[in-house]
């Protein structure tokens, strides 16, 4: 007996700007993209860049329950 595959999950019906997860994803993307420029930044600025990524990821993970 085969089990049918579930269909696609319905999307969030709210406009994109009102979706907390979408806003958090954009924040994470921006923080991670900033790491690309670390090779031309002073080493003293590296910890702050990593802290921004860590904070953005923490906010995104803690908001994960809003996706349900």
N, C-alpha and C. Protein backbone atom coordinates (compact mmCIF):
# COMPACT_ATOMS: atom_id res chain seq x y z
N UNK A 1 0.84 -1.18 0.00
CA UNK A 1 0.00 0.00 0.00
C UNK A 1 0.88 1.23 0.00
N UNK A 2 0.60 2.16 -0.89
CA UNK A 2 1.41 3.38 -0.93
C UNK A 2 0.69 4.51 -0.20
N UNK A 3 1.48 5.37 0.35
CA UNK A 3 0.95 6.51 1.08
C UNK A 3 1.06 7.73 0.17
N UNK A 4 -0.02 8.45 -0.04
CA UNK A 4 0.07 9.62 -0.93
C UNK A 4 0.97 10.70 -0.33
N UNK A 5 1.69 11.35 -1.21
CA UNK A 5 2.56 12.45 -0.77
C UNK A 5 1.69 13.65 -0.42
N UNK A 6 2.06 14.37 0.62
CA UNK A 6 1.27 15.56 0.97
C UNK A 6 1.45 16.63 -0.10
N UNK A 7 0.44 17.43 -0.26
CA UNK A 7 0.50 18.54 -1.22
C UNK A 7 1.34 19.67 -0.67
N UNK A 8 1.49 20.72 -1.43
CA UNK A 8 2.28 21.85 -0.94
C UNK A 8 1.61 22.52 0.25
N UNK A 9 2.45 23.03 1.15
CA UNK A 9 1.92 23.75 2.29
C UNK A 9 1.36 25.08 1.82
N UNK A 10 0.22 25.47 2.34
CA UNK A 10 -0.33 26.77 1.92
C UNK A 10 0.58 27.90 2.40
N UNK A 11 0.67 28.93 1.60
CA UNK A 11 1.50 30.07 1.96
C UNK A 11 0.81 30.98 2.95
N UNK A 12 1.56 31.90 3.46
CA UNK A 12 1.04 32.90 4.37
C UNK A 12 0.22 33.89 3.55
N UNK A 13 -1.06 34.06 3.85
CA UNK A 13 -1.89 34.94 3.02
C UNK A 13 -1.64 36.43 3.23
N UNK A 14 -0.88 36.78 4.26
CA UNK A 14 -0.62 38.20 4.53
C UNK A 14 0.32 38.78 3.46
N UNK A 15 0.24 40.08 3.23
CA UNK A 15 1.20 40.71 2.31
C UNK A 15 2.62 40.48 2.83
N UNK A 16 3.57 40.42 1.93
CA UNK A 16 4.94 40.08 2.33
C UNK A 16 5.49 40.98 3.42
N UNK A 17 5.21 42.28 3.38
CA UNK A 17 5.74 43.19 4.39
C UNK A 17 5.15 42.93 5.77
N UNK A 18 4.02 42.21 5.85
CA UNK A 18 3.39 41.91 7.13
C UNK A 18 3.76 40.53 7.65
N UNK A 19 4.62 39.82 6.94
CA UNK A 19 5.02 38.48 7.36
C UNK A 19 6.27 38.57 8.20
N UNK A 20 6.19 38.23 9.48
CA UNK A 20 7.38 38.35 10.33
C UNK A 20 8.52 37.46 9.86
N UNK A 21 8.22 36.29 9.36
CA UNK A 21 9.28 35.37 8.94
C UNK A 21 9.98 35.92 7.70
N UNK A 22 9.24 36.50 6.78
CA UNK A 22 9.85 37.08 5.59
C UNK A 22 10.78 38.23 5.95
N UNK A 23 10.36 39.06 6.89
CA UNK A 23 11.21 40.17 7.32
C UNK A 23 12.46 39.65 8.00
N UNK A 24 12.32 38.62 8.81
CA UNK A 24 13.47 38.04 9.48
C UNK A 24 14.41 37.38 8.47
N UNK A 25 13.86 36.74 7.47
CA UNK A 25 14.69 36.11 6.44
C UNK A 25 15.52 37.19 5.72
N UNK A 26 14.90 38.32 5.43
CA UNK A 26 15.63 39.41 4.78
C UNK A 26 16.74 39.93 5.68
N UNK A 27 16.47 40.01 6.98
CA UNK A 27 17.49 40.46 7.93
C UNK A 27 18.66 39.49 7.98
N UNK A 28 18.36 38.19 8.01
CA UNK A 28 19.42 37.17 8.02
C UNK A 28 20.22 37.24 6.72
N UNK A 29 19.53 37.35 5.60
CA UNK A 29 20.22 37.43 4.31
C UNK A 29 21.16 38.62 4.25
N UNK A 30 20.71 39.76 4.75
CA UNK A 30 21.54 40.97 4.74
C UNK A 30 22.76 40.81 5.65
N UNK A 31 22.55 40.22 6.82
CA UNK A 31 23.67 40.03 7.76
C UNK A 31 24.70 39.06 7.19
N UNK A 32 24.23 37.98 6.57
CA UNK A 32 25.15 36.99 5.99
C UNK A 32 25.86 37.60 4.78
N UNK A 33 25.15 38.37 3.97
CA UNK A 33 25.77 39.01 2.81
C UNK A 33 26.89 39.96 3.23
N UNK A 34 26.73 40.59 4.38
CA UNK A 34 27.76 41.50 4.87
C UNK A 34 29.07 40.77 5.18
N UNK A 35 28.99 39.48 5.42
CA UNK A 35 30.21 38.71 5.69
C UNK A 35 31.10 38.63 4.46
N UNK A 36 30.52 38.77 3.27
CA UNK A 36 31.31 38.71 2.05
C UNK A 36 32.36 39.82 1.99
N UNK A 37 32.12 40.91 2.67
CA UNK A 37 33.05 42.04 2.63
C UNK A 37 34.07 42.02 3.76
N UNK A 38 34.07 40.97 4.57
CA UNK A 38 34.99 40.94 5.71
C UNK A 38 36.45 40.95 5.29
N UNK A 39 36.75 40.40 4.13
CA UNK A 39 38.15 40.32 3.72
C UNK A 39 38.78 41.69 3.48
N UNK A 40 37.96 42.71 3.28
CA UNK A 40 38.50 44.06 3.08
C UNK A 40 38.27 44.95 4.30
N UNK A 41 37.70 44.41 5.36
CA UNK A 41 37.44 45.17 6.58
C UNK A 41 38.52 44.85 7.61
N UNK A 42 38.79 45.76 8.52
CA UNK A 42 39.77 45.48 9.58
C UNK A 42 39.29 44.32 10.46
N UNK A 43 40.24 43.55 10.91
CA UNK A 43 39.91 42.39 11.76
C UNK A 43 39.15 42.83 13.00
N UNK A 44 39.38 44.01 13.48
CA UNK A 44 38.68 44.49 14.67
C UNK A 44 37.18 44.61 14.44
N UNK A 45 36.73 44.70 13.19
CA UNK A 45 35.30 44.79 12.88
C UNK A 45 34.65 43.42 12.67
N UNK A 46 35.43 42.37 12.58
CA UNK A 46 34.89 41.04 12.32
C UNK A 46 33.95 40.54 13.42
N UNK A 47 34.32 40.67 14.70
CA UNK A 47 33.41 40.17 15.74
C UNK A 47 32.02 40.79 15.68
N UNK A 48 31.94 42.08 15.41
CA UNK A 48 30.63 42.74 15.35
C UNK A 48 29.81 42.18 14.18
N UNK A 49 30.46 41.89 13.06
CA UNK A 49 29.74 41.33 11.92
C UNK A 49 29.18 39.95 12.26
N UNK A 50 29.99 39.13 12.92
CA UNK A 50 29.51 37.80 13.30
C UNK A 50 28.42 37.89 14.36
N UNK A 51 28.51 38.86 15.25
CA UNK A 51 27.46 39.04 16.26
C UNK A 51 26.14 39.45 15.61
N UNK A 52 26.20 40.28 14.55
CA UNK A 52 24.97 40.65 13.84
C UNK A 52 24.32 39.42 13.20
N UNK A 53 25.13 38.55 12.61
CA UNK A 53 24.59 37.33 12.01
C UNK A 53 24.00 36.44 13.10
N UNK A 54 24.70 36.29 14.20
CA UNK A 54 24.23 35.46 15.30
C UNK A 54 22.90 35.97 15.84
N UNK A 55 22.80 37.29 16.02
CA UNK A 55 21.56 37.88 16.54
C UNK A 55 20.41 37.69 15.55
N UNK A 56 20.68 37.91 14.27
CA UNK A 56 19.63 37.74 13.26
C UNK A 56 19.15 36.30 13.20
N UNK A 57 20.08 35.37 13.26
CA UNK A 57 19.70 33.95 13.26
C UNK A 57 18.90 33.60 14.51
N UNK A 58 19.29 34.13 15.65
CA UNK A 58 18.55 33.87 16.89
C UNK A 58 17.12 34.38 16.82
N UNK A 59 16.94 35.58 16.27
CA UNK A 59 15.58 36.11 16.13
C UNK A 59 14.76 35.26 15.16
N UNK A 60 15.38 34.84 14.08
CA UNK A 60 14.66 34.02 13.09
C UNK A 60 14.27 32.67 13.68
N UNK A 61 15.17 32.07 14.42
CA UNK A 61 14.87 30.76 15.03
C UNK A 61 13.79 30.88 16.09
N UNK A 62 13.82 31.95 16.88
CA UNK A 62 12.81 32.08 17.93
C UNK A 62 11.44 32.40 17.34
N UNK A 63 11.40 32.95 16.14
CA UNK A 63 10.13 33.25 15.49
C UNK A 63 9.62 32.08 14.66
N UNK A 64 10.36 31.00 14.61
CA UNK A 64 9.98 29.86 13.79
C UNK A 64 8.61 29.31 14.08
N UNK A 65 8.14 29.43 15.30
CA UNK A 65 6.81 28.89 15.64
C UNK A 65 5.70 29.69 14.99
N UNK A 66 6.00 30.91 14.51
CA UNK A 66 4.98 31.72 13.85
C UNK A 66 4.62 31.18 12.49
N UNK A 67 5.45 30.27 11.94
CA UNK A 67 5.19 29.72 10.62
C UNK A 67 4.04 28.73 10.63
N UNK A 68 3.74 28.19 11.77
CA UNK A 68 2.70 27.14 11.86
C UNK A 68 1.35 27.74 11.68
